[in-house]
């Protein structure tokens, strides 16, 4: 096999609660991930020249950064060293997921690179080792080896698969002029954490997990991010007013998403945001995700 092409899907967090800071400096999370059909496209090609070549299209800003700073490049480098590959690989990454907007695009690119390179070389790794490599690349990367709906604990990298909910339409709204630093968002949340607040958040989270089909989207980032960027709070409210069953900030932002009962309702709602970048997509089940990546041997059940 000389070339492999596969999608790298985005995610939203149906809930995201931060319980406090861990001894290692990271934050202890409880979150429910959900993959959506918004995607990048990654093509991996074997080359005779050793090393990694990366070509990025669709996002000039990302294309301009040094390749070793790209998560797909880092994933290829980590797996090549693990497998002791002598041949090279060319990564062609077509970006569509907005960068640094809470949708997990970079982490998904990294996971797709791991899966694609295993497919390309015909090699296999024990599941535990593959997950270890993924976690070393970023806290969200392990989730993208599973897809569908899943619970993330610890840094968010300890993944347990959950039953898939019914297929739903999703509207993602990205205000082009608002950016939120993930590092700053965590600092804002840390300032407001109290023991009572942590207990309340955990109770709400457990209620959601006990009935995942019915859950209400929520994120601990919303209070601090919406306070500094009221436009994002307004987008969430507008999505709900336009028929979303639930709506929330995507990760730490600055994208906001709404979940709709039908594609027709989602398309009508999307028309209400002419000044923003808007994506109309759908939730993906774990089975759909596995088929799309074509990696039954690499993605755990």
Protein backbone atom coordinates (compact mmCIF):
# COMPACT_ATOMS: atom_id res chain seq x y z
CA UNK A 1 0.00 0.00 0.00
CA UNK A 2 1.50 3.32 -1.09
CA UNK A 3 -1.16 5.79 0.01
CA UNK A 4 -3.99 6.04 2.55
CA UNK A 5 -6.68 8.71 2.74
CA UNK A 6 -8.92 9.13 5.77
CA UNK A 7 -11.05 11.74 7.55
CA UNK A 8 -10.20 13.51 10.79
CA UNK A 9 -13.51 14.41 12.44
CA UNK A 10 -14.23 17.21 14.89
CA UNK A 11 -15.77 16.79 18.34
CA UNK A 12 -17.94 18.70 20.74
CA UNK A 13 -18.14 18.29 24.51
CA UNK A 14 -21.71 17.57 25.58
CA UNK A 15 -20.58 18.48 29.07
CA UNK A 16 -17.23 19.56 30.46
CA UNK A 17 -16.68 19.95 34.19
CA UNK A 18 -13.43 20.87 35.91
CA UNK A 19 -13.02 19.51 39.42
CA UNK A 20 -9.71 21.12 40.33
CA UNK A 21 -5.98 21.10 39.70
CA UNK A 22 -4.08 17.83 39.86
CA UNK A 23 -0.67 17.33 41.54
CA UNK A 24 0.93 17.11 38.07
CA UNK A 25 -0.30 20.62 37.21
CA UNK A 26 -3.09 19.52 34.85
CA UNK A 27 -6.79 19.88 35.67
CA UNK A 28 -9.03 16.99 36.69
CA UNK A 29 -11.85 16.78 34.14
CA UNK A 30 -15.12 15.00 33.62
CA UNK A 31 -16.37 15.34 30.08
CA UNK A 32 -18.56 13.63 27.51
CA UNK A 33 -17.14 13.76 23.99
CA UNK A 34 -19.21 13.44 20.82
CA UNK A 35 -17.79 13.22 17.30
CA UNK A 36 -19.46 15.24 14.55
CA UNK A 37 -19.21 15.02 10.78
CA UNK A 38 -17.25 18.26 10.29
CA UNK A 39 -13.84 17.01 9.19
CA UNK A 40 -10.34 17.56 7.89
CA UNK A 41 -8.94 15.17 5.28
CA UNK A 42 -5.56 13.50 5.64
CA UNK A 43 -3.62 11.61 2.97
CA UNK A 44 -0.49 9.65 3.89
CA UNK A 45 1.91 8.50 1.18
CA UNK A 46 5.06 6.39 1.58
CA UNK A 47 8.21 7.98 0.18
CA UNK A 48 11.68 6.64 -0.51
CA UNK A 49 13.27 9.67 1.09
CA UNK A 50 13.43 9.14 4.86
CA UNK A 51 11.72 11.60 7.15
CA UNK A 52 8.36 13.35 7.25
CA UNK A 53 7.01 15.84 4.75
CA UNK A 54 3.92 17.88 5.66
CA UNK A 55 1.76 19.88 3.27
CA UNK A 56 -1.18 21.82 4.72
CA UNK A 57 -3.94 23.40 2.63
CA UNK A 58 -7.16 25.19 3.53
CA UNK A 59 -5.64 27.20 6.38
CA UNK A 60 -2.80 29.59 5.47
CA UNK A 61 -1.99 30.35 9.10
CA UNK A 62 -1.49 26.69 9.98
CA UNK A 63 0.43 26.08 6.76
CA UNK A 64 2.90 28.80 7.75
CA UNK A 65 3.99 27.30 11.08
CA UNK A 66 7.01 25.02 11.36
CA UNK A 67 5.99 21.39 10.61
CA UNK A 68 7.27 20.00 13.94
CA UNK A 69 4.72 22.21 15.71
CA UNK A 70 1.85 20.52 13.84
CA UNK A 71 0.17 17.70 15.75
CA UNK A 72 -0.09 15.46 12.69
CA UNK A 73 3.67 15.80 12.13
CA UNK A 74 4.35 15.05 15.80
CA UNK A 75 2.12 11.96 15.64
CA UNK A 76 3.91 10.65 12.55
CA UNK A 77 7.29 11.26 14.17
CA UNK A 78 6.30 9.47 17.39
CA UNK A 79 4.93 6.42 15.57
CA UNK A 80 7.84 6.19 13.10
CA UNK A 81 10.24 6.08 16.05
CA UNK A 82 8.08 3.52 17.84
CA UNK A 83 7.94 1.25 14.77
CA UNK A 84 11.54 2.04 13.73
CA UNK A 85 10.44 2.80 10.21
CA UNK A 86 13.16 3.54 7.68
CA UNK A 87 10.95 4.75 4.85
CA UNK A 88 9.53 8.26 4.83
CA UNK A 89 5.97 9.53 4.75
CA UNK A 90 4.28 12.50 3.13
CA UNK A 91 1.30 14.00 4.98
CA UNK A 92 -1.19 16.03 2.95
CA UNK A 93 -3.61 17.70 5.34
CA UNK A 94 -6.67 19.53 4.02
CA UNK A 95 -8.02 21.67 6.86
CA UNK A 96 -11.70 22.48 7.28
CA UNK A 97 -12.09 22.38 11.06
CA UNK A 98 -11.36 25.85 12.49
CA UNK A 99 -8.10 25.89 14.46
CA UNK A 100 -8.05 26.53 18.22
CA UNK A 101 -11.83 26.87 18.54
CA UNK A 102 -12.55 23.96 20.90
CA UNK A 103 -13.43 21.43 18.19
CA UNK A 104 -10.39 19.17 18.57
CA UNK A 105 -9.12 19.48 15.00
CA UNK A 106 -5.43 19.18 15.82
CA UNK A 107 -5.99 16.22 18.14
CA UNK A 108 -8.14 14.51 15.52
CA UNK A 109 -5.43 15.08 12.90
CA UNK A 110 -2.93 13.42 15.25
CA UNK A 111 -5.14 10.38 15.86
CA UNK A 112 -5.89 10.02 12.15
CA UNK A 113 -2.14 10.12 11.48
CA UNK A 114 -1.55 7.28 13.95
CA UNK A 115 -4.31 5.16 12.42
CA UNK A 116 -3.31 6.03 8.86
CA UNK A 117 0.36 5.22 9.37
CA UNK A 118 -0.50 1.83 10.85
CA UNK A 119 -2.73 1.13 7.86
CA UNK A 120 -0.10 2.37 5.43
CA UNK A 121 2.64 0.15 6.84
CA UNK A 122 0.47 -2.84 7.72
CA UNK A 123 1.88 -2.75 11.24
CA UNK A 124 0.03 -3.22 14.53
CA UNK A 125 0.55 -2.04 18.08
CA UNK A 126 -0.97 -3.27 21.33
CA UNK A 127 -3.97 -1.09 22.13
CA UNK A 128 -2.49 0.04 25.44
CA UNK A 129 0.70 1.23 23.76
CA UNK A 130 -1.18 3.06 21.00
CA UNK A 131 -3.26 4.87 23.63
CA UNK A 132 -0.10 5.74 25.55
CA UNK A 133 1.44 7.33 22.46
CA UNK A 134 -1.82 9.18 21.77
CA UNK A 135 -1.98 10.56 25.32
CA UNK A 136 1.58 11.81 24.98
CA UNK A 137 0.52 13.88 21.98
CA UNK A 138 -2.40 15.61 23.71
CA UNK A 139 -5.20 15.01 26.19
CA UNK A 140 -7.94 14.77 23.52
CA UNK A 141 -6.03 12.48 21.13
CA UNK A 142 -6.99 9.14 22.80
CA UNK A 143 -10.69 9.92 22.32
CA UNK A 144 -10.20 10.15 18.57
CA UNK A 145 -9.02 6.54 18.49
CA UNK A 146 -12.59 5.61 19.54
CA UNK A 147 -15.07 8.21 18.29
CA UNK A 148 -18.81 8.22 18.87
CA UNK A 149 -19.80 9.24 22.39
CA UNK A 150 -17.37 8.65 25.23
CA UNK A 151 -16.61 9.65 28.79
CA UNK A 152 -13.25 11.31 29.43
CA UNK A 153 -11.78 11.55 32.95
CA UNK A 154 -8.41 12.53 34.37
CA UNK A 155 -6.96 15.03 31.91
CA UNK A 156 -9.72 13.86 29.58
CA UNK A 157 -7.42 11.15 28.20
CA UNK A 158 -8.85 8.22 30.19
CA UNK A 159 -11.62 7.12 27.82
CA UNK A 160 -14.67 4.93 28.43
CA UNK A 161 -17.10 4.38 25.56
CA UNK A 162 -20.74 5.30 26.17
CA UNK A 163 -23.90 4.24 24.32
CA UNK A 164 -24.45 6.33 21.22
CA UNK A 165 -27.38 8.72 21.29
CA UNK A 166 -29.81 9.10 18.38
CA UNK A 167 -28.42 10.80 15.31
CA UNK A 168 -28.87 14.57 15.51
CA UNK A 169 -28.09 17.58 13.33
CA UNK A 170 -25.47 19.98 14.69
CA UNK A 171 -24.91 23.65 13.93
CA UNK A 172 -21.44 24.99 14.75
CA UNK A 173 -21.08 28.79 14.82
CA UNK A 174 -17.63 30.36 14.79
CA UNK A 175 -17.35 34.15 15.20
CA UNK A 176 -14.24 34.98 13.16
CA UNK A 177 -13.22 37.95 15.32
CA UNK A 178 -13.21 36.13 18.69
CA UNK A 179 -10.36 33.92 19.87
CA UNK A 180 -10.06 32.29 23.30
CA UNK A 181 -6.74 31.09 24.67
CA UNK A 182 -7.16 27.64 26.24
CA UNK A 183 -4.43 28.41 28.76
CA UNK A 184 -6.16 31.62 29.84
CA UNK A 185 -9.57 29.91 29.98
CA UNK A 186 -8.20 27.32 32.42
CA UNK A 187 -6.72 30.11 34.53
CA UNK A 188 -10.09 31.88 34.63
CA UNK A 189 -11.85 28.68 35.73
CA UNK A 190 -9.22 27.94 38.39
CA UNK A 191 -9.90 31.31 40.04
CA UNK A 192 -13.55 30.48 40.61
CA UNK A 193 -13.19 26.87 41.77
CA UNK A 194 -14.34 26.23 45.33
CA UNK A 195 -14.93 23.03 47.24
CA UNK A 196 -18.67 23.57 47.16
CA UNK A 197 -18.54 24.37 43.45
CA UNK A 198 -16.62 21.21 42.69
CA UNK A 199 -19.20 19.09 44.52
CA UNK A 200 -22.06 20.76 42.68
CA UNK A 201 -20.41 20.23 39.31
CA UNK A 202 -19.74 16.57 40.08
CA UNK A 203 -23.38 15.99 41.09
CA UNK A 204 -24.59 17.57 37.85
CA UNK A 205 -22.10 15.53 35.86
CA UNK A 206 -23.16 12.24 37.47
CA UNK A 207 -26.81 13.07 36.71
CA UNK A 208 -25.91 13.55 33.04
CA UNK A 209 -23.97 10.28 32.80
CA UNK A 210 -26.81 8.32 34.39
CA UNK A 211 -29.07 9.39 31.51
CA UNK A 212 -26.88 10.27 28.51
CA UNK A 213 -29.77 10.31 26.04
CA UNK A 214 -31.46 13.14 27.93
CA UNK A 215 -28.47 15.20 29.06
CA UNK A 216 -28.24 18.95 28.99
CA UNK A 217 -25.08 20.34 27.42
CA UNK A 218 -22.99 22.39 29.80
CA UNK A 219 -19.43 23.55 30.27
CA UNK A 220 -17.58 25.07 33.20
CA UNK A 221 -15.82 27.32 30.71
CA UNK A 222 -19.05 29.11 29.81
CA UNK A 223 -19.35 31.35 32.86
CA UNK A 224 -15.82 32.71 32.58
CA UNK A 225 -15.64 32.87 28.78
CA UNK A 226 -19.12 34.36 28.31
CA UNK A 227 -18.30 37.05 30.88
CA UNK A 228 -15.39 38.18 28.71
CA UNK A 229 -17.05 37.52 25.35
CA UNK A 230 -20.82 38.25 25.63
CA UNK A 231 -21.26 37.64 21.91
CA UNK A 232 -20.68 33.92 22.51
CA UNK A 233 -23.41 33.83 25.16
CA UNK A 234 -25.73 35.55 22.70
CA UNK A 235 -24.97 32.94 20.02
CA UNK A 236 -25.85 30.14 22.46
CA UNK A 237 -29.13 31.83 23.34
CA UNK A 238 -29.96 32.41 19.67
CA UNK A 239 -29.35 28.74 18.87
CA UNK A 240 -31.78 27.74 21.63
CA UNK A 241 -34.34 30.26 20.42
CA UNK A 242 -34.03 28.88 16.90
CA UNK A 243 -34.94 25.37 18.04
CA UNK A 244 -31.79 23.75 19.40
CA UNK A 245 -32.58 21.07 21.96
CA UNK A 246 -29.29 21.94 23.65
CA UNK A 247 -26.41 24.31 22.99
CA UNK A 248 -23.00 24.95 24.55
CA UNK A 249 -19.55 26.37 24.12
CA UNK A 250 -17.28 23.97 22.21
CA UNK A 251 -14.45 23.09 24.59
CA UNK A 252 -12.98 26.36 25.84
CA UNK A 253 -14.28 28.15 22.72
CA UNK A 254 -14.65 30.20 20.72
CA UNK A 255 -17.01 28.04 18.63
CA UNK A 256 -20.54 27.45 19.93
CA UNK A 257 -22.71 24.51 18.89
CA UNK A 258 -26.40 23.64 18.94
CA UNK A 259 -27.99 20.20 18.59
CA UNK A 260 -31.19 20.03 16.55
CA UNK A 261 -33.79 17.29 16.06
CA UNK A 262 -33.63 17.47 12.25
CA UNK A 263 -31.33 18.67 9.45
CA UNK A 264 -34.06 20.99 8.14
CA UNK A 265 -34.28 22.78 11.50
CA UNK A 266 -30.50 23.03 11.64
CA UNK A 267 -30.28 24.55 8.16
CA UNK A 268 -32.94 27.14 9.00
CA UNK A 269 -31.16 28.05 12.23
CA UNK A 270 -27.81 28.39 10.44
CA UNK A 271 -29.25 31.16 8.26
CA UNK A 272 -29.52 33.37 11.34
CA UNK A 273 -25.74 33.88 11.59
CA UNK A 274 -24.75 35.62 8.33
CA UNK A 275 -21.70 37.37 9.82
CA UNK A 276 -20.17 34.21 11.30
CA UNK A 277 -18.69 31.05 9.85
CA UNK A 278 -21.31 28.34 10.22
CA UNK A 279 -21.13 24.57 9.70
CA UNK A 280 -24.18 22.30 9.50
CA UNK A 281 -23.21 18.73 10.28
CA UNK A 282 -24.37 15.68 12.26
CA UNK A 283 -23.38 13.49 15.17
CA UNK A 284 -21.45 10.32 14.32
CA UNK A 285 -21.93 6.98 16.04
CA UNK A 286 -18.92 4.90 17.01
CA UNK A 287 -19.69 2.37 14.26
CA UNK A 288 -19.86 5.12 11.63
CA UNK A 289 -16.59 6.55 12.91
CA UNK A 290 -14.80 3.19 12.80
CA UNK A 291 -16.00 2.49 9.27
CA UNK A 292 -14.92 5.92 8.06
CA UNK A 293 -11.39 5.51 9.41
CA UNK A 294 -11.19 1.90 8.22
CA UNK A 295 -9.16 0.89 11.26
CA UNK A 296 -10.93 -1.97 12.98
CA UNK A 297 -7.62 -3.35 14.23
CA UNK A 298 -6.44 -0.05 15.70
CA UNK A 299 -9.53 1.43 17.36
CA UNK A 300 -10.74 -0.24 20.54
CA UNK A 301 -14.28 -1.36 21.08
